[in-house]
Amino acid sequence: MKREFHDFVFDIGEFEFKFHDLAFDIAEMKREFHDFVFDIDEFEFKIQEFEFVFPELKRKLYDLGFEIGDFGLESMPSALRRFHLRCGSFRVSPGGMKISGVYH
C-alpha cells in the first residue's frame, strides 16, 4: 500500500513545517531514522533511532496511537492511545496541542 503526500503540512499554533512529495509505503515501513529532527523555530521534535517495525510498534511507541481512517490501516495496535493521526480530512491531536494538515 503506497500513498503519496504532496505539500504535507503540519500547523502547530504559529509554527508550520512541510513535507513535499513524501512517500508513505506500508510495505516499506521497516526503516530506521537516526537523529530525525523537526526544528520549528523554538519548537523541536526529535526521533532518535526510530524504527517503523509493526511487531515492535506496541513496545517502542506505547504512548503513540494512530487512527488512519481513510487508509483502512487496522493492524496498528489499539492500545496506542495518546497520539491520534487521521488522514484524508487530516487531523492530529497529541494531548492538548492541535496539529492540522493538508492532504492532497
C-alpha atoms as a PDB file:
ATOM      1  CA  MET A   1       0.000   0.000   0.000  1.00  0.00           C
ATOM      2  CA  LYS A   2       1.718   3.129  -1.171  1.00  0.00           C
ATOM      3  CA  ARG A   3       0.391   6.643  -0.658  1.00  0.00           C
ATOM      4  CA  GLU A   4       1.943   9.930  -1.646  1.00  0.00           C
ATOM      5  CA  PHE A   5       1.515  13.167   0.222  1.00  0.00           C
ATOM      6  CA  HIS A   6       2.115  16.392  -1.670  1.00  0.00           C
ATOM      7  CA  ASP A   7       2.666  19.572   0.329  1.00  0.00           C
ATOM      8  CA  PHE A   8       2.043  17.723   3.580  1.00  0.00           C
ATOM      9  CA  VAL A   9       1.580  20.454   6.197  1.00  0.00           C
ATOM     10  CA  PHE A  10       1.679  20.423   9.979  1.00  0.00           C
ATOM     11  CA  ASP A  11       0.430  23.645  11.563  1.00  0.00           C
ATOM     12  CA  ILE A  12       1.342  23.802  15.252  1.00  0.00           C
ATOM     13  CA  GLY A  13      -0.078  27.070  16.550  1.00  0.00           C
ATOM     14  CA  GLU A  14       2.070  29.670  14.865  1.00  0.00           C
ATOM     15  CA  PHE A  15       4.567  27.077  13.647  1.00  0.00           C
ATOM     16  CA  GLU A  16       4.445  25.300  10.324  1.00  0.00           C
ATOM     17  CA  PHE A  17       6.543  22.713   8.571  1.00  0.00           C
ATOM     18  CA  LYS A  18       6.004  20.941   5.292  1.00  0.00           C
ATOM     19  CA  PHE A  19       6.916  17.720   3.567  1.00  0.00           C
ATOM     20  CA  HIS A  20       6.933  17.858  -0.226  1.00  0.00           C
ATOM     21  CA  ASP A  21       6.254  14.674  -2.173  1.00  0.00           C
ATOM     22  CA  LEU A  22       6.504  12.440   0.877  1.00  0.00           C
ATOM     23  CA  ALA A  23       6.032   8.773   0.008  1.00  0.00           C
ATOM     24  CA  PHE A  24       4.344   6.579   2.600  1.00  0.00           C
ATOM     25  CA  ASP A  25       4.736   2.895   1.860  1.00  0.00           C
ATOM     26  CA  ILE A  26       3.315   0.499   4.445  1.00  0.00           C
ATOM     27  CA  ALA A  27       5.238  -2.398   2.950  1.00  0.00           C
ATOM     28  CA  GLU A  28       8.444  -0.409   3.343  1.00  0.00           C
ATOM     29  CA  MET A  29       7.801   0.779   6.885  1.00  0.00           C
ATOM     30  CA  LYS A  30      10.700  -1.194   8.331  1.00  0.00           C
ATOM     31  CA  ARG A  31      13.049   1.772   8.212  1.00  0.00           C
ATOM     32  CA  GLU A  32      15.380   3.490  10.627  1.00  0.00           C
ATOM     33  CA  PHE A  33      15.554   7.228  11.209  1.00  0.00           C
ATOM     34  CA  HIS A  34      18.713   8.310  13.021  1.00  0.00           C
ATOM     35  CA  ASP A  35      18.540  11.677  14.778  1.00  0.00           C
ATOM     36  CA  PHE A  36      15.408  12.583  12.838  1.00  0.00           C
ATOM     37  CA  VAL A  37      14.742  16.220  13.837  1.00  0.00           C
ATOM     38  CA  PHE A  38      11.919  18.674  13.210  1.00  0.00           C
ATOM     39  CA  ASP A  39      13.215  22.123  14.147  1.00  0.00           C
ATOM     40  CA  ILE A  40      10.394  24.680  14.088  1.00  0.00           C
ATOM     41  CA  ASP A  41      11.839  27.924  15.415  1.00  0.00           C
ATOM     42  CA  GLU A  42      11.699  27.315  19.179  1.00  0.00           C
ATOM     43  CA  PHE A  43       9.789  24.054  18.767  1.00  0.00           C
ATOM     44  CA  GLU A  44      11.922  20.967  18.333  1.00  0.00           C
ATOM     45  CA  PHE A  45      10.788  17.389  17.838  1.00  0.00           C
ATOM     46  CA  LYS A  46      13.357  14.621  17.752  1.00  0.00           C
ATOM     47  CA  ILE A  47      13.131  10.953  16.924  1.00  0.00           C
ATOM     48  CA  GLN A  48      16.398   9.158  17.536  1.00  0.00           C
ATOM     49  CA  GLU A  49      16.967   5.752  16.027  1.00  0.00           C
ATOM     50  CA  PHE A  50      13.245   5.490  15.319  1.00  0.00           C
ATOM     51  CA  GLU A  51      12.099   2.237  13.745  1.00  0.00           C
ATOM     52  CA  PHE A  52       8.812   1.675  11.930  1.00  0.00           C
ATOM     53  CA  VAL A  53       8.526  -2.024  12.630  1.00  0.00           C
ATOM     54  CA  PHE A  54       4.969  -3.256  13.119  1.00  0.00           C
ATOM     55  CA  PRO A  55       5.745  -6.133  15.534  1.00  0.00           C
ATOM     56  CA  GLU A  56       7.795  -3.739  17.667  1.00  0.00           C
ATOM     57  CA  LEU A  57       5.391  -0.800  17.474  1.00  0.00           C
ATOM     58  CA  LYS A  58       3.427  -1.547  20.625  1.00  0.00           C
ATOM     59  CA  ARG A  59       6.570  -1.912  22.714  1.00  0.00           C
ATOM     60  CA  LYS A  60       8.546   1.021  21.326  1.00  0.00           C
ATOM     61  CA  LEU A  61       5.707   3.535  20.872  1.00  0.00           C
ATOM     62  CA  TYR A  62       3.350   2.623  23.699  1.00  0.00           C
ATOM     63  CA  ASP A  63       2.162   6.202  24.223  1.00  0.00           C
ATOM     64  CA  LEU A  64       1.694   6.803  20.496  1.00  0.00           C
ATOM     65  CA  GLY A  65      -1.527   5.677  18.790  1.00  0.00           C
ATOM     66  CA  PHE A  66      -2.548   6.013  15.161  1.00  0.00           C
ATOM     67  CA  GLU A  67      -6.026   6.214  13.662  1.00  0.00           C
ATOM     68  CA  ILE A  68      -5.712   6.226   9.888  1.00  0.00           C
ATOM     69  CA  GLY A  69      -9.326   6.034   8.814  1.00  0.00           C
ATOM     70  CA  ASP A  70      -9.085   6.527   5.074  1.00  0.00           C
ATOM     71  CA  PHE A  71      -6.145   4.135   4.806  1.00  0.00           C
ATOM     72  CA  GLY A  72      -8.073   1.341   6.487  1.00  0.00           C
ATOM     73  CA  LEU A  73      -4.893   0.559   8.363  1.00  0.00           C
ATOM     74  CA  GLU A  74      -6.269  -1.653  11.122  1.00  0.00           C
ATOM     75  CA  SER A  75      -3.093  -3.505  12.016  1.00  0.00           C
ATOM     76  CA  MET A  76      -1.900  -0.694  14.281  1.00  0.00           C
ATOM     77  CA  PRO A  77      -2.206  -1.770  17.930  1.00  0.00           C
ATOM     78  CA  SER A  78      -5.330  -0.320  19.512  1.00  0.00           C
ATOM     79  CA  ALA A  79      -3.536   0.032  22.845  1.00  0.00           C
ATOM     80  CA  LEU A  80      -1.683   3.046  21.471  1.00  0.00           C
ATOM     81  CA  ARG A  81      -3.932   5.815  22.656  1.00  0.00           C
ATOM     82  CA  ARG A  82      -2.321   9.178  23.183  1.00  0.00           C
ATOM     83  CA  PHE A  83      -1.473  10.378  19.677  1.00  0.00           C
ATOM     84  CA  HIS A  84      -4.238  10.322  17.075  1.00  0.00           C
ATOM     85  CA  LEU A  85      -3.495  10.597  13.375  1.00  0.00           C
ATOM     86  CA  ARG A  86      -6.236  10.832  10.805  1.00  0.00           C
ATOM     87  CA  CYS A  87      -5.524  11.104   7.103  1.00  0.00           C
ATOM     88  CA  GLY A  88      -7.979  12.217   4.465  1.00  0.00           C
ATOM     89  CA  SER A  89      -9.502  15.116   6.288  1.00  0.00           C
ATOM     90  CA  PHE A  90      -6.231  15.248   8.156  1.00  0.00           C
ATOM     91  CA  ARG A  91      -6.246  15.947  11.885  1.00  0.00           C
ATOM     92  CA  VAL A  92      -3.633  15.282  14.527  1.00  0.00           C
ATOM     93  CA  SER A  93      -4.210  15.924  18.210  1.00  0.00           C
ATOM     94  CA  PRO A  94      -1.422  14.926  20.590  1.00  0.00           C
ATOM     95  CA  GLY A  95      -2.644  15.758  24.094  1.00  0.00           C
ATOM     96  CA  GLY A  96      -3.853  19.352  24.243  1.00  0.00           C
ATOM     97  CA  MET A  97      -1.833  20.521  21.238  1.00  0.00           C
ATOM     98  CA  LYS A  98      -3.680  20.648  17.946  1.00  0.00           C
ATOM     99  CA  ILE A  99      -1.939  19.987  14.665  1.00  0.00           C
ATOM    100  CA  SER A 100      -3.747  20.359  11.383  1.00  0.00           C
ATOM    101  CA  GLY A 101      -2.555  19.337   7.961  1.00  0.00           C
ATOM    102  CA  VAL A 102      -3.370  19.339   4.285  1.00  0.00           C
ATOM    103  CA  TYR A 103      -3.645  16.065   2.397  1.00  0.00           C
ATOM    104  CA  HIS A 104      -3.709  16.105  -1.424  1.00  0.00           C
END
